Amino acid sequence: MGNWTTGLLILAAMSWATAIRAAEPPQAAESPQEEVLKKNGLKALGPIYVLEAESDVKKKVSEVKLLSKQWNHARLQQQSILSVKDHQALIQGLTGQVTQLRAEINVVNQQMNRLPRYRGRLANNYAQEAYAELLATRNQLNFTLNQQNALLGQVRSQPPDPKLKQKIDDEVQARHDEYLQAVHDLSQLVTTAKDKYAALAKNDEVAKALAGLDPAIKPRPRLGPSHEFHENVKFAERLEKEATLSSAEPKAKATTKSRRGANSLRTAPDS
């Protein structure tokens, strides 16, 4: 009994689905004009017929933005990792600050000791006011000295890890290369799409197809590109210029470094 009921329910469901499909209006066939536009890689976007290639440009723009974020994140990590040379320079700088603070404290102590006294006490109100000011200055200097000493101890207890530094440097370089490649690919896609649009603008078949579309369509269909594509073109051109400058800068630095190399290797070991 249960199987018989289940079978009837299934049959009824199938009949219902068939009836719904039969009731649906048939999809209108593409007009000859639409077939021409589709053949040329165009699709309707509101009143504008745009290239399918615009979608590829849009996807690549999103990819470039993601790679840019990943590259910037890697660069922030790189900045937080000190090289051996930078670590030594930081220790020297902090040590110099500590030495300077101690010298300033000694000067303040000498000034306090030179204030006039009578029977072990400050001689007058002027001396007492001066002593209070000097005491406040010394307290502030001691507070700063303690902070610098703590920071110096922390830096000394955390020596740099050359392997970690190299790993982060490699990560930055890899992200940078991926980003530059994506920018280059975006530029290629944009150039191809612009050339295609230029060719379509001179294509009589496309022009006739657009003019021959349903007259009831308002506003009248026209050939793209879209506003978004124009914005993506500007974005790609700006990135291309930045990428060119970015690629040239490391080479300039490397040339400068190589000129100094002979002399620096004679005076200091490689860090």
C-alpha atoms as a PDB file:
ATOM      1  CA  MET A   1       0.000   0.000   0.000  1.00  0.00           C
ATOM      2  CA  GLY A   2       2.796   2.383   0.937  1.00  0.00           C
ATOM      3  CA  ASN A   3       4.727   1.740  -2.306  1.00  0.00           C
ATOM      4  CA  TRP A   4       1.532   2.243  -4.358  1.00  0.00           C
ATOM      5  CA  THR A   5       0.889   5.621  -2.695  1.00  0.00           C
ATOM      6  CA  THR A   6       4.501   6.720  -3.193  1.00  0.00           C
ATOM      7  CA  GLY A   7       4.307   5.801  -6.874  1.00  0.00           C
ATOM      8  CA  LEU A   8       1.186   7.878  -7.360  1.00  0.00           C
ATOM      9  CA  LEU A   9       2.823  10.878  -5.665  1.00  0.00           C
ATOM     10  CA  ILE A  10       5.869  10.628  -7.891  1.00  0.00           C
ATOM     11  CA  LEU A  11       3.720  10.336 -11.027  1.00  0.00           C
ATOM     12  CA  ALA A  12       1.656  13.341  -9.961  1.00  0.00           C
ATOM     13  CA  ALA A  13       4.790  15.416  -9.326  1.00  0.00           C
ATOM     14  CA  MET A  14       6.201  14.549 -12.750  1.00  0.00           C
ATOM     15  CA  SER A  15       2.909  15.450 -14.445  1.00  0.00           C
ATOM     16  CA  TRP A  16       2.804  18.766 -12.578  1.00  0.00           C
ATOM     17  CA  ALA A  17       6.372  19.659 -13.615  1.00  0.00           C
ATOM     18  CA  THR A  18       5.616  18.766 -17.228  1.00  0.00           C
ATOM     19  CA  ALA A  19       2.502  20.934 -17.153  1.00  0.00           C
ATOM     20  CA  ILE A  20       4.482  23.908 -15.803  1.00  0.00           C
ATOM     21  CA  ARG A  21       7.123  23.590 -18.525  1.00  0.00           C
ATOM     22  CA  ALA A  22       4.402  23.366 -21.153  1.00  0.00           C
ATOM     23  CA  ALA A  23       2.758  26.513 -19.782  1.00  0.00           C
ATOM     24  CA  GLU A  24       5.994  28.514 -19.904  1.00  0.00           C
ATOM     25  CA  PRO A  25       6.234  30.822 -22.909  1.00  0.00           C
ATOM     26  CA  PRO A  26       8.848  29.686 -25.406  1.00  0.00           C
ATOM     27  CA  GLN A  27      12.049  31.692 -25.408  1.00  0.00           C
ATOM     28  CA  ALA A  28      12.184  34.107 -28.285  1.00  0.00           C
ATOM     29  CA  ALA A  29      14.713  33.208 -30.933  1.00  0.00           C
ATOM     30  CA  GLU A  30      17.593  35.614 -31.444  1.00  0.00           C
ATOM     31  CA  SER A  31      17.094  38.079 -34.224  1.00  0.00           C
ATOM     32  CA  PRO A  32      19.594  38.146 -37.123  1.00  0.00           C
ATOM     33  CA  GLN A  33      20.948  41.400 -35.738  1.00  0.00           C
ATOM     34  CA  GLU A  34      21.540  39.856 -32.289  1.00  0.00           C
ATOM     35  CA  GLU A  35      23.271  36.891 -33.904  1.00  0.00           C
ATOM     36  CA  VAL A  36      25.638  39.255 -35.714  1.00  0.00           C
ATOM     37  CA  LEU A  37      26.453  41.102 -32.507  1.00  0.00           C
ATOM     38  CA  LYS A  38      26.967  37.845 -30.614  1.00  0.00           C
ATOM     39  CA  LYS A  39      29.217  36.548 -33.386  1.00  0.00           C
ATOM     40  CA  ASN A  40      31.426  39.603 -32.852  1.00  0.00           C
ATOM     41  CA  GLY A  41      31.726  38.942 -29.116  1.00  0.00           C
ATOM     42  CA  LEU A  42      29.175  41.537 -28.021  1.00  0.00           C
ATOM     43  CA  LYS A  43      26.495  41.255 -25.338  1.00  0.00           C
ATOM     44  CA  ALA A  44      23.830  43.641 -24.118  1.00  0.00           C
ATOM     45  CA  LEU A  45      24.534  45.660 -20.998  1.00  0.00           C
ATOM     46  CA  GLY A  46      21.532  47.918 -20.697  1.00  0.00           C
ATOM     47  CA  PRO A  47      21.431  50.048 -23.841  1.00  0.00           C
ATOM     48  CA  ILE A  48      25.108  49.320 -24.577  1.00  0.00           C
ATOM     49  CA  TYR A  49      26.551  46.333 -26.390  1.00  0.00           C
ATOM     50  CA  VAL A  50      29.877  45.511 -24.803  1.00  0.00           C
ATOM     51  CA  LEU A  51      32.587  42.965 -25.482  1.00  0.00           C
ATOM     52  CA  GLU A  52      32.727  39.776 -23.469  1.00  0.00           C
ATOM     53  CA  ALA A  53      36.375  40.774 -22.949  1.00  0.00           C
ATOM     54  CA  GLU A  54      35.230  43.457 -20.524  1.00  0.00           C
ATOM     55  CA  SER A  55      34.431  40.683 -18.043  1.00  0.00           C
ATOM     56  CA  ASP A  56      37.994  39.377 -18.352  1.00  0.00           C
ATOM     57  CA  VAL A  57      39.343  42.877 -17.685  1.00  0.00           C
ATOM     58  CA  LYS A  58      37.089  43.248 -14.643  1.00  0.00           C
ATOM     59  CA  LYS A  59      38.248  39.900 -13.205  1.00  0.00           C
ATOM     60  CA  LYS A  60      41.882  40.802 -13.756  1.00  0.00           C
ATOM     61  CA  VAL A  61      41.391  44.167 -12.027  1.00  0.00           C
ATOM     62  CA  SER A  62      40.054  42.335  -8.961  1.00  0.00           C
ATOM     63  CA  GLU A  63      43.032  39.968  -9.068  1.00  0.00           C
ATOM     64  CA  VAL A  64      45.494  42.867  -9.287  1.00  0.00           C
ATOM     65  CA  LYS A  65      43.908  44.580  -6.293  1.00  0.00           C
ATOM     66  CA  LEU A  66      44.129  41.368  -4.241  1.00  0.00           C
ATOM     67  CA  LEU A  67      47.778  40.816  -5.194  1.00  0.00           C
ATOM     68  CA  SER A  68      48.531  44.438  -4.309  1.00  0.00           C
ATOM     69  CA  LYS A  69      47.130  43.904  -0.804  1.00  0.00           C
ATOM     70  CA  GLN A  70      49.151  40.700  -0.393  1.00  0.00           C
ATOM     71  CA  TRP A  71      52.332  42.448  -1.543  1.00  0.00           C
ATOM     72  CA  ASN A  72      51.787  45.375   0.845  1.00  0.00           C
ATOM     73  CA  HIS A  73      51.151  42.963   3.731  1.00  0.00           C
ATOM     74  CA  ALA A  74      54.412  41.150   2.972  1.00  0.00           C
ATOM     75  CA  ARG A  75      56.264  44.473   2.853  1.00  0.00           C
ATOM     76  CA  LEU A  76      54.924  45.417   6.299  1.00  0.00           C
ATOM     77  CA  GLN A  77      56.229  42.102   7.635  1.00  0.00           C
ATOM     78  CA  GLN A  78      59.579  42.801   5.984  1.00  0.00           C
ATOM     79  CA  GLN A  79      59.839  46.192   7.684  1.00  0.00           C
ATOM     80  CA  SER A  80      59.282  44.580  11.084  1.00  0.00           C
ATOM     81  CA  ILE A  81      62.233  42.188  10.627  1.00  0.00           C
ATOM     82  CA  LEU A  82      65.644  43.756  11.184  1.00  0.00           C
ATOM     83  CA  SER A  83      68.764  42.673   9.356  1.00  0.00           C
ATOM     84  CA  VAL A  84      71.965  42.003  11.323  1.00  0.00           C
ATOM     85  CA  LYS A  85      73.311  45.380  10.216  1.00  0.00           C
ATOM     86  CA  ASP A  86      70.124  47.221  11.220  1.00  0.00           C
ATOM     87  CA  HIS A  87      70.062  45.374  14.554  1.00  0.00           C
ATOM     88  CA  GLN A  88      73.623  46.451  15.334  1.00  0.00           C
ATOM     89  CA  ALA A  89      72.832  50.026  14.317  1.00  0.00           C
ATOM     90  CA  LEU A  90      69.786  50.029  16.594  1.00  0.00           C
ATOM     91  CA  ILE A  91      71.846  48.812  19.562  1.00  0.00           C
ATOM     92  CA  GLN A  92      74.477  51.469  18.904  1.00  0.00           C
ATOM     93  CA  GLY A  93      71.827  54.167  18.665  1.00  0.00           C
ATOM     94  CA  LEU A  94      70.115  53.106  21.911  1.00  0.00           C
ATOM     95  CA  THR A  95      73.481  52.838  23.685  1.00  0.00           C
ATOM     96  CA  GLY A  96      74.326  56.369  22.577  1.00  0.00           C
ATOM     97  CA  GLN A  97      70.998  57.636  23.887  1.00  0.00           C
ATOM     98  CA  VAL A  98      71.544  55.928  27.239  1.00  0.00           C
ATOM     99  CA  THR A  99      75.014  57.458  27.513  1.00  0.00           C
ATOM    100  CA  GLN A 100      73.646  60.900  26.663  1.00  0.00           C
ATOM    101  CA  LEU A 101      70.855  60.613  29.258  1.00  0.00           C
ATOM    102  CA  ARG A 102      73.331  59.621  31.969  1.00  0.00           C
ATOM    103  CA  ALA A 103      75.512  62.608  31.087  1.00  0.00           C
ATOM    104  CA  GLU A 104      72.490  64.925  31.319  1.00  0.00           C
ATOM    105  CA  ILE A 105      71.557  63.445  34.713  1.00  0.00           C
ATOM    106  CA  ASN A 106      75.097  64.072  35.968  1.00  0.00           C
ATOM    107  CA  VAL A 107      74.890  67.700  34.841  1.00  0.00           C
ATOM    108  CA  VAL A 108      71.572  68.134  36.698  1.00  0.00           C
ATOM    109  CA  ASN A 109      73.088  66.552  39.835  1.00  0.00           C
ATOM    110  CA  GLN A 110      76.001  68.972  39.694  1.00  0.00           C
ATOM    111  CA  GLN A 111      73.621  71.920  39.357  1.00  0.00           C
ATOM    112  CA  MET A 112      71.618  70.685  42.358  1.00  0.00           C
ATOM    113  CA  ASN A 113      74.780  70.298  44.431  1.00  0.00           C
ATOM    114  CA  ARG A 114      75.897  73.845  43.615  1.00  0.00           C
ATOM    115  CA  LEU A 115      72.777  75.458  45.022  1.00  0.00           C
ATOM    116  CA  PRO A 116      73.532  77.551  48.123  1.00  0.00           C
ATOM    117  CA  ARG A 117      72.960  75.817  51.458  1.00  0.00           C
ATOM    118  CA  TYR A 118      73.092  76.862  55.092  1.00  0.00           C
ATOM    119  CA  ARG A 119      73.637  74.206  57.741  1.00  0.00           C
ATOM    120  CA  GLY A 120      72.718  71.445  55.284  1.00  0.00           C
ATOM    121  CA  ARG A 121      69.537  73.111  54.090  1.00  0.00           C
ATOM    122  CA  LEU A 122      68.791  75.195  51.019  1.00  0.00           C
ATOM    123  CA  ALA A 123      69.628  78.771  51.821  1.00  0.00           C
ATOM    124  CA  ASN A 124      66.549  80.619  50.481  1.00  0.00           C
ATOM    125  CA  ASN A 125      63.326  80.388  48.505  1.00  0.00           C
ATOM    126  CA  TYR A 126      65.121  80.880  45.206  1.00  0.00           C
ATOM    127  CA  ALA A 127      67.331  77.890  45.876  1.00  0.00           C
ATOM    128  CA  GLN A 128      64.326  75.795  46.905  1.00  0.00           C
ATOM    129  CA  GLU A 129      62.442  76.662  43.655  1.00  0.00           C
ATOM    130  CA  ALA A 130      65.490  75.932  41.558  1.00  0.00           C
ATOM    131  CA  TYR A 131      66.007  72.637  43.381  1.00  0.00           C
ATOM    132  CA  ALA A 132      62.374  71.621  42.740  1.00  0.00           C
ATOM    133  CA  GLU A 133      62.704  72.353  39.029  1.00  0.00           C
ATOM    134  CA  LEU A 134      65.980  70.451  38.776  1.00  0.00           C
ATOM    135  CA  LEU A 135      64.503  67.528  40.719  1.00  0.00           C
ATOM    136  CA  ALA A 136      61.567  67.326  38.293  1.00  0.00           C
ATOM    137  CA  THR A 137      63.974  67.396  35.376  1.00  0.00           C
ATOM    138  CA  ARG A 138      66.098  64.639  36.904  1.00  0.00           C
ATOM    139  CA  ASN A 139      63.042  62.489  37.577  1.00  0.00           C
ATOM    140  CA  GLN A 140      61.955  62.835  33.956  1.00  0.00           C
ATOM    141  CA  LEU A 141      65.453  61.997  32.728  1.00  0.00           C
ATOM    142  CA  ASN A 142      65.596  58.941  35.009  1.00  0.00           C
ATOM    143  CA  PHE A 143      62.197  57.790  33.730  1.00  0.00           C
ATOM    144  CA  THR A 144      63.368  58.098  30.114  1.00  0.00           C
ATOM    145  CA  LEU A 145      66.659  56.382  30.994  1.00  0.00           C
ATOM    146  CA  ASN A 146      64.825  53.422  32.491  1.00  0.00           C
ATOM    147  CA  GLN A 147      62.690  53.116  29.367  1.00  0.00           C
ATOM    148  CA  GLN A 148      65.695  53.239  27.060  1.00  0.00           C
ATOM    149  CA  ASN A 149      67.582  50.705  29.187  1.00  0.00           C
ATOM    150  CA  ALA A 150      64.597  48.346  29.068  1.00  0.00           C
ATOM    151  CA  LEU A 151      64.335  48.739  25.300  1.00  0.00           C
ATOM    152  CA  LEU A 152      68.061  48.211  24.887  1.00  0.00           C
ATOM    153  CA  GLY A 153      67.890  45.028  26.951  1.00  0.00           C
ATOM    154  CA  GLN A 154      64.955  43.792  24.900  1.00  0.00           C
ATOM    155  CA  VAL A 155      66.739  44.439  21.607  1.00  0.00           C
ATOM    156  CA  ARG A 156      69.898  42.702  22.827  1.00  0.00           C
ATOM    157  CA  SER A 157      67.899  39.674  23.968  1.00  0.00           C
ATOM    158  CA  GLN A 158      66.259  39.284  20.546  1.00  0.00           C
ATOM    159  CA  PRO A 159      69.029  38.926  17.967  1.00  0.00           C
ATOM    160  CA  PRO A 160      67.948  38.943  14.310  1.00  0.00           C
ATOM    161  CA  ASP A 161      67.193  35.664  12.537  1.00  0.00           C
ATOM    162  CA  PRO A 162      68.911  35.745   9.115  1.00  0.00           C
ATOM    163  CA  LYS A 163      66.847  32.764   7.915  1.00  0.00           C
ATOM    164  CA  LEU A 164      63.566  34.460   8.831  1.00  0.00           C
ATOM    165  CA  LYS A 165      64.761  37.682   7.206  1.00  0.00           C
ATOM    166  CA  GLN A 166      65.610  35.803   4.012  1.00  0.00           C
ATOM    167  CA  LYS A 167      62.261  34.029   4.060  1.00  0.00           C
ATOM    168  CA  ILE A 168      60.377  37.314   4.359  1.00  0.00           C
ATOM    169  CA  ASP A 169      62.535  38.918   1.654  1.00  0.00           C
ATOM    170  CA  ASP A 170      61.793  36.010  -0.684  1.00  0.00           C
ATOM    171  CA  GLU A 171      58.078  36.298   0.079  1.00  0.00           C
ATOM    172  CA  VAL A 172      58.106  40.028  -0.735  1.00  0.00           C
ATOM    173  CA  GLN A 173      59.923  39.375  -4.008  1.00  0.00           C
ATOM    174  CA  ALA A 174      57.508  36.607  -4.981  1.00  0.00           C
ATOM    175  CA  ARG A 175      54.461  38.753  -4.223  1.00  0.00           C
ATOM    176  CA  HIS A 176      56.005  41.642  -6.121  1.00  0.00           C
ATOM    177  CA  ASP A 177      56.670  39.476  -9.177  1.00  0.00           C
ATOM    178  CA  GLU A 178      53.118  38.100  -9.108  1.00  0.00           C
ATOM    179  CA  TYR A 179      51.743  41.618  -8.872  1.00  0.00           C
ATOM    180  CA  LEU A 180      53.855  42.916 -11.760  1.00  0.00           C
ATOM    181  CA  GLN A 181      52.839  39.952 -13.923  1.00  0.00           C
ATOM    182  CA  ALA A 182      49.169  40.576 -13.168  1.00  0.00           C
ATOM    183  CA  VAL A 183      49.562  44.263 -14.030  1.00  0.00           C
ATOM    184  CA  HIS A 184      51.206  43.284 -17.311  1.00  0.00           C
ATOM    185  CA  ASP A 185      48.419  40.798 -18.089  1.00  0.00           C
ATOM    186  CA  LEU A 186      45.808  43.452 -17.297  1.00  0.00           C
ATOM    187  CA  SER A 187      47.515  45.877 -19.657  1.00  0.00           C
ATOM    188  CA  GLN A 188      47.469  43.254 -22.406  1.00  0.00           C
ATOM    189  CA  LEU A 189      43.769  42.535 -21.887  1.00  0.00           C
ATOM    190  CA  VAL A 190      42.940  46.242 -21.961  1.00  0.00           C
ATOM    191  CA  THR A 191      44.955  46.798 -25.150  1.00  0.00           C
ATOM    192  CA  THR A 192      43.294  43.843 -26.869  1.00  0.00           C
ATOM    193  CA  ALA A 193      39.815  45.037 -25.889  1.00  0.00           C
ATOM    194  CA  LYS A 194      40.509  48.626 -27.011  1.00  0.00           C
ATOM    195  CA  ASP A 195      41.809  47.395 -30.369  1.00  0.00           C
ATOM    196  CA  LYS A 196      38.745  45.194 -30.768  1.00  0.00           C
ATOM    197  CA  TYR A 197      36.430  48.118 -30.000  1.00  0.00           C
ATOM    198  CA  ALA A 198      38.295  50.267 -32.528  1.00  0.00           C
ATOM    199  CA  ALA A 199      37.826  47.576 -35.181  1.00  0.00           C
ATOM    200  CA  LEU A 200      34.124  47.100 -34.337  1.00  0.00           C
ATOM    201  CA  ALA A 201      33.538  50.844 -34.596  1.00  0.00           C
ATOM    202  CA  LYS A 202      34.550  50.574 -38.272  1.00  0.00           C
ATOM    203  CA  ASN A 203      32.602  47.353 -38.881  1.00  0.00           C
ATOM    204  CA  ASP A 204      29.635  48.083 -41.159  1.00  0.00           C
ATOM    205  CA  GLU A 205      28.004  44.760 -40.308  1.00  0.00           C
ATOM    206  CA  VAL A 206      27.963  45.636 -36.588  1.00  0.00           C
ATOM    207  CA  ALA A 207      26.713  49.161 -37.279  1.00  0.00           C
ATOM    208  CA  LYS A 208      23.834  47.794 -39.378  1.00  0.00           C
ATOM    209  CA  ALA A 209      23.006  45.202 -36.727  1.00  0.00           C
ATOM    210  CA  LEU A 210      22.777  47.868 -34.011  1.00  0.00           C
ATOM    211  CA  ALA A 211      20.644  50.099 -36.227  1.00  0.00           C
ATOM    212  CA  GLY A 212      18.385  47.189 -37.162  1.00  0.00           C
ATOM    213  CA  LEU A 213      17.463  46.159 -33.630  1.00  0.00           C
ATOM    214  CA  ASP A 214      13.849  46.520 -32.449  1.00  0.00           C
ATOM    215  CA  PRO A 215      12.886  50.203 -32.889  1.00  0.00           C
ATOM    216  CA  ALA A 216      10.867  50.018 -29.677  1.00  0.00           C
ATOM    217  CA  ILE A 217      14.041  49.730 -27.623  1.00  0.00           C
ATOM    218  CA  LYS A 218      14.685  53.041 -25.857  1.00  0.00           C
ATOM    219  CA  PRO A 219      17.287  54.407 -25.469  1.00  0.00           C
ATOM    220  CA  ARG A 220      18.674  53.132 -28.740  1.00  0.00           C
ATOM    221  CA  PRO A 221      21.373  50.445 -28.429  1.00  0.00           C
ATOM    222  CA  ARG A 222      24.918  51.545 -29.139  1.00  0.00           C
ATOM    223  CA  LEU A 223      28.375  50.072 -29.211  1.00  0.00           C
ATOM    224  CA  GLY A 224      30.439  50.155 -26.027  1.00  0.00           C
ATOM    225  CA  PRO A 225      32.733  50.322 -24.162  1.00  0.00           C
ATOM    226  CA  SER A 226      30.989  50.755 -20.843  1.00  0.00           C
ATOM    227  CA  HIS A 227      31.783  53.429 -18.254  1.00  0.00           C
ATOM    228  CA  GLU A 228      33.271  50.751 -15.988  1.00  0.00           C
ATOM    229  CA  PHE A 229      35.637  49.704 -18.759  1.00  0.00           C
ATOM    230  CA  HIS A 230      36.816  53.316 -19.194  1.00  0.00           C
ATOM    231  CA  GLU A 231      37.558  53.442 -15.452  1.00  0.00           C
ATOM    232  CA  ASN A 232      39.415  50.126 -15.609  1.00  0.00           C
ATOM    233  CA  VAL A 233      41.492  51.445 -18.513  1.00  0.00           C
ATOM    234  CA  LYS A 234      42.562  54.458 -16.431  1.00  0.00           C
ATOM    235  CA  PHE A 235      43.336  52.144 -13.504  1.00  0.00           C
ATOM    236  CA  ALA A 236      45.441  49.851 -15.713  1.00  0.00           C
ATOM    237  CA  GLU A 237      47.371  52.753 -17.268  1.00  0.00           C
ATOM    238  CA  ARG A 238      48.200  54.182 -13.847  1.00  0.00           C
ATOM    239  CA  LEU A 239      49.400  50.809 -12.572  1.00  0.00           C
ATOM    240  CA  GLU A 240      51.484  50.261 -15.693  1.00  0.00           C
ATOM    241  CA  LYS A 241      53.323  53.536 -15.087  1.00  0.00           C
ATOM    242  CA  GLU A 242      53.853  52.723 -11.402  1.00  0.00           C
ATOM    243  CA  ALA A 243      55.080  49.233 -12.267  1.00  0.00           C
ATOM    244  CA  THR A 244      57.591  50.662 -14.744  1.00  0.00           C
ATOM    245  CA  LEU A 245      58.978  53.020 -12.097  1.00  0.00           C
ATOM    246  CA  SER A 246      59.013  50.220  -9.513  1.00  0.00           C
ATOM    247  CA  SER A 247      60.997  47.952 -11.822  1.00  0.00           C
ATOM    248  CA  ALA A 248      63.534  50.653 -12.642  1.00  0.00           C
ATOM    249  CA  GLU A 249      64.164  51.713  -9.015  1.00  0.00           C
ATOM    250  CA  PRO A 250      65.768  48.441  -7.759  1.00  0.00           C
ATOM    251  CA  LYS A 251      68.100  48.450 -10.776  1.00  0.00           C
ATOM    252  CA  ALA A 252      69.252  51.979  -9.960  1.00  0.00           C
ATOM    253  CA  LYS A 253      69.870  50.997  -6.340  1.00  0.00           C
ATOM    254  CA  ALA A 254      71.759  47.889  -7.412  1.00  0.00           C
ATOM    255  CA  THR A 255      74.011  49.970  -9.691  1.00  0.00           C
ATOM    256  CA  THR A 256      74.798  52.391  -6.860  1.00  0.00           C
ATOM    257  CA  LYS A 257      75.502  49.519  -4.492  1.00  0.00           C
ATOM    258  CA  SER A 258      77.836  47.821  -6.956  1.00  0.00           C
ATOM    259  CA  ARG A 259      79.908  51.009  -7.292  1.00  0.00           C
ATOM    260  CA  ARG A 260      80.375  51.095  -3.537  1.00  0.00           C
ATOM    261  CA  GLY A 261      80.963  47.378  -3.274  1.00  0.00           C
ATOM    262  CA  ALA A 262      84.722  47.285  -3.818  1.00  0.00           C
ATOM    263  CA  ASN A 263      85.461  49.834  -1.086  1.00  0.00           C
ATOM    264  CA  SER A 264      82.883  48.560   1.414  1.00  0.00           C
ATOM    265  CA  LEU A 265      84.107  44.972   1.223  1.00  0.00           C
ATOM    266  CA  ARG A 266      87.588  46.116   2.213  1.00  0.00           C
ATOM    267  CA  THR A 267      86.398  47.871   5.333  1.00  0.00           C
ATOM    268  CA  ALA A 268      83.547  45.729   6.674  1.00  0.00           C
ATOM    269  CA  PRO A 269      82.567  42.069   6.590  1.00  0.00           C
ATOM    270  CA  ASP A 270      79.350  41.075   4.827  1.00  0.00           C
ATOM    271  CA  SER A 271      76.516  41.235   7.378  1.00  0.00           C
END
